[in-house]
Amino acid sequence: MVGEAHPQGEPPKMEKLENSITSTLTITRIDPGTTNSNPLGVPVVIWHGLSDSYANPGLDKLAEKINLRYPSTPVYKIRLAESDSQDRRATWFGSANEQVKSVCEQLSRIDELSRGFDGIGLSQGGQLMRAYIERCNQPRVRNLITLGSQHMGVSGHQPCTSLFDLGCHILHKLIESGTVYGTYAQQNVIPAQYFRDQSNLRPYMDHNEFLRDINNERGNDTQPIDSGSDPTAPEEDGSEYYPRNQTYKHNFQSLNNFIMFKFTEDTLVIPPTSAYFTIPNVTDSSLPDGLNPIPIALQDLPIYQEDYIGLKTLDEAGKIHYGTCFGVHMEIDEDCWENVMDWLGDGEGRQAESEKTNPAQQDQLVLQPH
């Protein structure tokens, strides 16, 4: 069992993984006579999710579909390590802050992106892409599309499906031992860096080094429900007095559109409402069990009401949109991806709010096996 030789709850450290991004364009061209609703070929950058890698053939299939619809569109895939296996491990082990910093540096050197691009974040890639926007955004992201992402963090993790799934076992050990907010986890285990237990926010406010920062949260923020935390208690580092980062807000609210997709049978993201940038209403007596807890409306959360990062500004400008994908986490069928592609470039017929009701007998890609 992972951690048996570590009574302090500190799992064995993994070697440092070098961060990089693929320099290879994935471009598919079709006959120029084909209808092209995106003549300028606005580039697309895809950031894959947990346990996935740049080498996943499914990503290439998604890129091919983009080029069938929008010919001559450059598609880039974020690459965090040299090999397929290292890239997968980098989604579990490393520093989210360092990965975002590296991607900022790499994207800034790609001339083809200089006029801006559309960003697609798959699962945890969504909050990482959002961090890129808030902290760098040079080159600028025009439209941000996230699928099954954890914008308000996760408060748990599904049981591990394999004895050999090291990252999953380490994460469970960290959660069970109460060290998920410890220095090791916050600097070396990616999912721990967006762990946010709404029932006990004080440790998150005191120690989280990634999600709290990109959400522009402070320790004395009011909470929409009883979180088990005293919002008046000072943070250990006194950062409740820090002003919110206005650069984050300025950059994020510069988006043309922010589109969030949620999977109808998502059991991996706990709570699944995080994909819509909100949290469950645990005080609601009608709260159902399972996949679809009743959420608190985004507009009722302090992060929106006080406009920590520009969500209210975007929403009032009609730039926040929601979509639904039928199936389990990262099971992307034709309808789902068509709705995603509606928001690329200056695409027409955008339908992210519409839910197609016949997902049967469609090709499906499951990009993450967990």
Protein backbone atom coordinates (compact mmCIF):
# COMPACT_ATOMS: atom_id res chain seq x y z
CA MET A 1 0.00 0.00 0.00
CA VAL A 2 1.23 3.49 -0.84
CA GLY A 3 2.46 5.39 2.17
CA GLU A 4 3.01 2.46 4.55
CA ALA A 5 6.65 3.45 5.02
CA HIS A 6 5.71 7.07 5.60
CA PRO A 7 3.93 7.49 8.94
CA GLN A 8 3.86 11.27 8.54
CA GLY A 9 1.55 10.89 5.56
CA GLU A 10 4.19 12.24 3.19
CA PRO A 11 4.36 9.98 0.11
CA PRO A 12 7.61 9.32 -1.70
CA LYS A 13 8.67 12.18 -3.93
CA MET A 14 8.65 11.76 -7.70
CA GLU A 15 11.46 13.06 -9.86
CA LYS A 16 11.01 16.55 -11.25
CA LEU A 17 9.37 16.59 -14.66
CA GLU A 18 10.48 19.12 -17.24
CA ASN A 19 7.67 21.23 -18.64
CA SER A 20 7.36 21.82 -22.36
CA ILE A 21 4.80 22.19 -25.08
CA THR A 22 4.65 20.45 -28.41
CA SER A 23 5.93 22.54 -31.30
CA THR A 24 4.23 20.36 -33.90
CA LEU A 25 1.16 21.76 -35.60
CA THR A 26 -1.74 19.40 -36.12
CA ILE A 27 -3.29 20.78 -39.31
CA THR A 28 -5.79 19.11 -41.56
CA ARG A 29 -6.82 20.79 -44.82
CA ILE A 30 -9.80 19.95 -46.94
CA ASP A 31 -10.90 21.08 -50.40
CA PRO A 32 -11.00 24.90 -50.47
CA GLY A 33 -14.39 24.75 -52.12
CA THR A 34 -15.89 23.40 -48.91
CA THR A 35 -17.91 25.88 -46.87
CA ASN A 36 -15.55 27.55 -44.44
CA SER A 37 -17.13 29.60 -41.65
CA ASN A 38 -13.71 30.40 -40.19
CA PRO A 39 -11.66 31.78 -43.11
CA LEU A 40 -8.96 33.29 -40.89
CA GLY A 41 -8.19 29.95 -39.27
CA VAL A 42 -8.10 31.17 -35.66
CA PRO A 43 -5.66 28.81 -33.90
CA VAL A 44 -6.88 26.43 -31.22
CA VAL A 45 -4.89 25.29 -28.18
CA ILE A 46 -6.06 22.20 -26.26
CA TRP A 47 -4.95 21.47 -22.69
CA HIS A 48 -5.64 17.84 -21.81
CA GLY A 49 -6.69 16.54 -18.43
CA LEU A 50 -5.67 14.24 -15.60
CA SER A 51 -4.14 10.88 -16.63
CA ASP A 52 -4.18 11.97 -20.26
CA SER A 53 -1.34 12.88 -22.59
CA TYR A 54 -0.59 14.87 -25.72
CA ALA A 55 -0.10 11.54 -27.53
CA ASN A 56 -3.67 10.33 -27.00
CA PRO A 57 -5.06 9.50 -30.47
CA GLY A 58 -8.40 10.85 -29.29
CA LEU A 59 -6.98 14.37 -29.22
CA ASP A 60 -5.85 13.98 -32.83
CA LYS A 61 -9.36 12.88 -33.78
CA LEU A 62 -10.81 15.96 -32.13
CA ALA A 63 -8.28 18.11 -34.00
CA GLU A 64 -9.25 16.44 -37.27
CA LYS A 65 -12.89 17.29 -36.64
CA ILE A 66 -11.94 20.92 -36.05
CA ASN A 67 -10.16 21.01 -39.39
CA LEU A 68 -13.01 19.35 -41.22
CA ARG A 69 -15.28 22.12 -40.02
CA TYR A 70 -12.75 24.96 -40.09
CA PRO A 71 -10.13 24.16 -42.75
CA SER A 72 -6.56 25.33 -42.23
CA THR A 73 -7.02 25.89 -38.52
CA PRO A 74 -3.81 25.27 -36.54
CA VAL A 75 -4.41 23.07 -33.51
CA TYR A 76 -1.83 22.89 -30.73
CA LYS A 77 -1.77 20.38 -27.89
CA ILE A 78 -0.21 21.33 -24.57
CA ARG A 79 2.68 19.02 -23.80
CA LEU A 80 4.14 18.91 -20.30
CA ALA A 81 6.92 16.36 -20.79
CA GLU A 82 9.00 14.68 -23.47
CA SER A 83 7.34 11.26 -23.59
CA ASP A 84 3.79 9.96 -23.49
CA SER A 85 4.27 8.31 -20.09
CA GLN A 86 6.00 11.35 -18.58
CA ASP A 87 3.27 13.62 -19.87
CA ARG A 88 0.64 11.49 -18.14
CA ARG A 89 2.63 11.56 -14.90
CA ALA A 90 2.97 15.32 -15.18
CA THR A 91 -0.81 15.61 -14.92
CA TRP A 92 -0.51 14.04 -11.45
CA PHE A 93 2.88 15.15 -10.17
CA GLY A 94 4.37 18.61 -10.30
CA SER A 95 3.45 22.20 -9.57
CA ALA A 96 0.44 23.67 -11.33
CA ASN A 97 2.00 27.10 -10.89
CA GLU A 98 5.24 26.02 -12.58
CA GLN A 99 3.37 24.27 -15.39
CA VAL A 100 1.32 27.38 -16.12
CA LYS A 101 4.46 29.53 -16.04
CA SER A 102 6.17 27.22 -18.52
CA VAL A 103 3.19 27.19 -20.86
CA CYS A 104 3.03 31.00 -20.71
CA GLU A 105 6.64 31.20 -21.84
CA GLN A 106 6.22 28.62 -24.59
CA LEU A 107 3.01 30.03 -26.07
CA SER A 108 4.48 33.53 -26.16
CA ARG A 109 7.16 32.30 -28.57
CA ILE A 110 4.76 30.84 -31.16
CA ASP A 111 4.29 33.48 -33.86
CA GLU A 112 1.20 31.82 -35.28
CA LEU A 113 -0.64 32.52 -32.02
CA SER A 114 0.32 36.20 -31.84
CA ARG A 115 -3.11 37.44 -32.90
CA GLY A 116 -4.88 35.29 -30.35
CA PHE A 117 -6.32 31.81 -30.14
CA ASP A 118 -9.27 29.85 -28.78
CA GLY A 119 -8.53 27.70 -25.74
CA ILE A 120 -10.10 24.34 -24.94
CA GLY A 121 -9.50 22.93 -21.47
CA LEU A 122 -10.36 19.29 -20.88
CA SER A 123 -11.11 18.48 -17.23
CA GLN A 124 -8.27 19.89 -15.08
CA GLY A 125 -6.87 21.45 -18.24
CA GLY A 126 -9.75 23.91 -17.95
CA GLN A 127 -8.59 25.54 -14.75
CA LEU A 128 -4.98 25.43 -15.94
CA MET A 129 -5.96 27.22 -19.15
CA ARG A 130 -7.90 29.74 -17.07
CA ALA A 131 -4.76 30.32 -14.99
CA TYR A 132 -2.85 31.01 -18.22
CA ILE A 133 -5.43 33.65 -19.15
CA GLU A 134 -5.40 35.35 -15.77
CA ARG A 135 -1.65 35.35 -15.26
CA CYS A 136 -0.30 35.82 -18.79
CA ASN A 137 -2.72 36.00 -21.72
CA GLN A 138 0.04 36.91 -24.16
CA PRO A 139 -0.97 35.76 -26.70
CA ARG A 140 -4.58 36.45 -25.85
CA VAL A 141 -7.29 33.80 -25.54
CA ARG A 142 -10.42 34.82 -27.42
CA ASN A 143 -12.88 32.11 -26.37
CA LEU A 144 -12.32 29.76 -23.43
CA ILE A 145 -14.19 26.44 -23.57
CA THR A 146 -13.93 24.04 -20.65
CA LEU A 147 -15.32 20.51 -20.40
CA GLY A 148 -15.87 18.88 -17.02
CA SER A 149 -13.41 21.25 -15.36
CA GLN A 150 -13.08 21.88 -11.64
CA HIS A 151 -13.40 25.66 -11.39
CA MET A 152 -14.59 25.51 -7.78
CA GLY A 153 -12.27 22.63 -6.97
CA VAL A 154 -13.01 19.10 -5.81
CA SER A 155 -13.89 17.87 -2.34
CA GLY A 156 -13.18 14.19 -2.94
CA HIS A 157 -11.95 11.63 -5.43
CA GLN A 158 -13.41 8.42 -6.78
CA PRO A 159 -11.97 5.07 -5.57
CA CYS A 160 -8.84 3.97 -7.38
CA THR A 161 -9.50 1.38 -10.08
CA SER A 162 -6.04 -0.20 -10.06
CA LEU A 163 -3.45 -1.13 -7.45
CA PHE A 164 -0.85 0.37 -9.77
CA ASP A 165 -2.51 3.79 -10.06
CA LEU A 166 0.15 5.58 -8.00
CA GLY A 167 -1.22 9.08 -8.37
CA CYS A 168 -4.70 8.09 -7.29
CA HIS A 169 -3.46 6.18 -4.23
CA ILE A 170 -1.20 9.05 -3.17
CA LEU A 171 -4.07 11.52 -3.52
CA HIS A 172 -6.35 9.33 -1.39
CA LYS A 173 -3.62 8.98 1.22
CA LEU A 174 -3.20 12.75 1.35
CA ILE A 175 -6.94 13.31 1.77
CA GLU A 176 -7.36 10.59 4.39
CA SER A 177 -4.34 11.72 6.41
CA GLY A 178 -5.31 15.38 6.33
CA THR A 179 -2.10 16.36 4.53
CA VAL A 180 -3.73 17.33 1.22
CA TYR A 181 -3.04 20.99 2.09
CA GLY A 182 0.52 20.27 3.23
CA THR A 183 3.56 21.76 1.53
CA TYR A 184 4.45 18.54 -0.27
CA ALA A 185 0.98 18.12 -1.76
CA GLN A 186 0.59 21.78 -2.66
CA GLN A 187 3.86 21.78 -4.57
CA ASN A 188 3.99 18.26 -5.98
CA VAL A 189 0.52 16.71 -6.46
CA ILE A 190 -1.56 18.52 -9.08
CA PRO A 191 -5.09 17.43 -7.99
CA ALA A 192 -4.30 18.47 -4.40
CA GLN A 193 -3.71 21.98 -5.71
CA TYR A 194 -7.38 22.37 -6.61
CA PHE A 195 -8.75 20.42 -3.63
CA ARG A 196 -11.38 22.60 -1.95
CA ASP A 197 -13.51 21.05 0.79
CA GLN A 198 -16.50 23.36 1.10
CA SER A 199 -17.37 21.82 4.49
CA ASN A 200 -14.05 23.02 5.94
CA LEU A 201 -12.60 25.94 4.03
CA ARG A 202 -10.13 27.24 6.60
CA PRO A 203 -7.25 24.88 5.63
CA TYR A 204 -7.91 25.67 1.97
CA MET A 205 -7.84 29.40 2.64
CA ASP A 206 -4.67 29.08 4.69
CA HIS A 207 -2.64 26.73 2.52
CA ASN A 208 -3.92 26.21 -1.03
CA GLU A 209 -1.31 27.50 -3.48
CA PHE A 210 -3.12 27.35 -6.81
CA LEU A 211 -6.91 27.35 -7.03
CA ARG A 212 -7.43 29.92 -4.30
CA ASP A 213 -5.06 32.24 -6.14
CA ILE A 214 -6.67 31.97 -9.58
CA ASN A 215 -10.13 32.32 -7.98
CA ASN A 216 -8.86 35.49 -6.26
CA GLU A 217 -10.21 34.26 -2.93
CA ARG A 218 -9.20 35.76 0.41
CA GLY A 219 -9.53 34.34 3.91
CA ASN A 220 -12.09 36.86 5.11
CA ASP A 221 -14.44 36.30 2.15
CA THR A 222 -18.07 35.70 3.05
CA GLN A 223 -19.48 32.26 2.28
CA PRO A 224 -22.90 31.50 0.76
CA ILE A 225 -23.53 28.59 3.14
CA ASP A 226 -22.23 27.32 6.46
CA SER A 227 -18.85 25.98 5.41
CA GLY A 228 -17.60 25.09 8.85
CA SER A 229 -15.08 27.92 8.58
CA ASP A 230 -14.93 31.18 10.48
CA PRO A 231 -14.51 33.85 7.78
CA THR A 232 -13.37 36.34 10.40
CA ALA A 233 -10.48 34.19 11.59
CA PRO A 234 -7.17 35.56 10.25
CA GLU A 235 -5.21 33.52 7.79
CA GLU A 236 -1.86 32.27 8.96
CA ASP A 237 -0.04 34.42 6.42
CA GLY A 238 -2.30 37.43 6.85
CA SER A 239 -3.28 37.33 3.18
CA GLU A 240 -6.93 38.06 3.92
CA TYR A 241 -5.81 41.68 3.78
CA TYR A 242 -4.20 41.40 0.35
CA PRO A 243 -6.12 43.22 -2.38
CA ARG A 244 -7.47 40.98 -5.10
CA ASN A 245 -5.28 40.68 -8.15
CA GLN A 246 -6.73 43.11 -10.67
CA THR A 247 -4.57 41.75 -13.48
CA TYR A 248 -6.34 38.41 -13.13
CA LYS A 249 -9.70 40.13 -13.39
CA HIS A 250 -8.67 42.36 -16.29
CA ASN A 251 -7.31 39.45 -18.30
CA PHE A 252 -10.18 37.06 -17.63
CA GLN A 253 -12.94 39.54 -18.40
CA SER A 254 -11.25 40.29 -21.74
CA LEU A 255 -12.59 36.99 -23.09
CA ASN A 256 -14.99 37.13 -26.01
CA ASN A 257 -16.84 34.17 -24.50
CA PHE A 258 -16.48 31.75 -21.59
CA ILE A 259 -18.27 28.45 -22.21
CA MET A 260 -18.56 25.70 -19.60
CA PHE A 261 -19.66 22.16 -20.48
CA LYS A 262 -20.80 19.62 -17.88
CA PHE A 263 -21.17 15.85 -18.30
CA THR A 264 -24.54 14.42 -17.31
CA GLU A 265 -23.13 11.27 -15.69
CA ASP A 266 -19.93 12.69 -14.25
CA THR A 267 -18.92 10.71 -11.15
CA LEU A 268 -15.26 11.73 -11.29
CA VAL A 269 -15.66 15.43 -10.53
CA ILE A 270 -16.85 15.76 -6.91
CA PRO A 271 -18.98 17.85 -6.86
CA PRO A 272 -19.97 17.84 -10.56
CA THR A 273 -21.36 21.37 -10.11
CA SER A 274 -17.75 22.57 -10.18
CA ALA A 275 -17.86 22.25 -13.97
CA TYR A 276 -20.35 25.15 -13.95
CA PHE A 277 -18.21 27.21 -11.54
CA THR A 278 -20.49 26.65 -8.57
CA ILE A 279 -21.03 24.45 -5.50
CA PRO A 280 -23.87 22.24 -4.22
CA ASN A 281 -26.46 23.70 -1.92
CA VAL A 282 -25.92 21.32 0.99
CA THR A 283 -28.55 23.09 3.09
CA ASP A 284 -31.31 22.32 0.58
CA SER A 285 -33.52 19.55 1.98
CA SER A 286 -34.39 18.47 -1.55
CA LEU A 287 -30.75 17.78 -2.38
CA PRO A 288 -30.70 14.55 -4.43
CA ASP A 289 -28.03 11.93 -4.11
CA GLY A 290 -25.66 11.03 -6.89
CA LEU A 291 -24.83 12.82 -10.08
CA ASN A 292 -26.87 16.02 -10.01
CA PRO A 293 -26.83 17.82 -6.67
CA ILE A 294 -28.80 21.04 -6.63
CA PRO A 295 -26.28 23.85 -7.13
CA ILE A 296 -26.19 27.31 -5.69
CA ALA A 297 -26.61 29.64 -8.64
CA LEU A 298 -23.34 31.18 -9.75
CA GLN A 299 -24.96 34.59 -9.36
CA ASP A 300 -25.44 33.88 -5.62
CA LEU A 301 -21.77 33.17 -4.94
CA PRO A 302 -19.44 35.87 -3.58
CA ILE A 303 -16.95 35.15 -6.38
CA TYR A 304 -19.63 36.42 -8.78
CA GLN A 305 -21.33 39.07 -6.66
CA GLU A 306 -18.06 40.76 -5.76
CA ASP A 307 -16.62 40.03 -9.21
CA TYR A 308 -13.36 38.52 -7.93
CA ILE A 309 -12.15 37.55 -11.41
CA GLY A 310 -14.65 39.20 -13.75
CA LEU A 311 -17.40 36.56 -13.88
CA LYS A 312 -20.10 39.16 -13.21
CA THR A 313 -18.67 41.47 -15.85
CA LEU A 314 -18.63 38.68 -18.43
CA ASP A 315 -22.13 37.51 -17.52
CA GLU A 316 -23.66 40.97 -17.72
CA ALA A 317 -22.12 41.32 -21.17
CA GLY A 318 -23.75 38.04 -22.25
CA LYS A 319 -20.41 36.25 -22.54
CA ILE A 320 -20.94 33.30 -20.16
CA HIS A 321 -22.57 30.23 -21.67
CA TYR A 322 -23.32 26.68 -20.56
CA GLY A 323 -23.38 23.40 -22.43
CA THR A 324 -24.20 19.78 -21.66
CA CYS A 325 -22.45 16.63 -22.84
CA PHE A 326 -24.27 13.34 -22.37
CA GLY A 327 -22.27 10.59 -20.70
CA VAL A 328 -19.53 10.03 -18.17
CA HIS A 329 -16.57 12.30 -17.51
CA MET A 330 -14.75 13.15 -20.76
CA GLU A 331 -16.96 10.89 -22.88
CA ILE A 332 -17.18 13.18 -25.87
CA ASP A 333 -19.76 12.25 -28.50
CA GLU A 334 -20.53 13.93 -31.83
CA ASP A 335 -23.15 16.29 -30.43
CA CYS A 336 -20.88 17.37 -27.61
CA TRP A 337 -17.95 18.17 -29.87
CA GLU A 338 -20.14 19.89 -32.46
CA ASN A 339 -21.40 22.18 -29.72
CA VAL A 340 -17.82 22.83 -28.62
CA MET A 341 -16.80 23.70 -32.16
CA ASP A 342 -19.69 26.16 -32.46
CA TRP A 343 -17.65 28.46 -30.24
CA LEU A 344 -14.39 28.32 -32.17
CA GLY A 345 -13.31 31.25 -34.28
CA ASP A 346 -16.33 33.29 -35.25
CA GLY A 347 -18.47 30.20 -35.71
CA GLU A 348 -22.14 30.44 -36.55
CA GLY A 349 -25.09 28.52 -35.17
CA ARG A 350 -23.80 28.41 -31.64
CA GLN A 351 -25.87 26.00 -29.58
CA ALA A 352 -24.04 25.42 -26.31
CA GLU A 353 -27.24 26.02 -24.36
CA SER A 354 -29.21 23.42 -26.32
CA GLU A 355 -29.19 19.84 -25.15
CA LYS A 356 -29.58 17.26 -27.87
CA THR A 357 -31.70 14.40 -26.61
CA ASN A 358 -30.63 11.47 -28.75
CA PRO A 359 -26.99 10.66 -27.97
CA ALA A 360 -27.40 6.97 -28.83
CA GLN A 361 -25.40 5.31 -31.60
CA GLN A 362 -22.81 8.05 -31.86
CA ASP A 363 -19.06 7.73 -31.94
CA GLN A 364 -17.68 8.43 -28.48
CA LEU A 365 -14.21 9.22 -27.24
CA VAL A 366 -13.31 8.67 -23.61
CA LEU A 367 -10.15 10.71 -23.13
CA GLN A 368 -9.56 9.82 -19.49
CA PRO A 369 -9.83 6.23 -18.28
CA HIS A 370 -10.47 7.09 -14.59
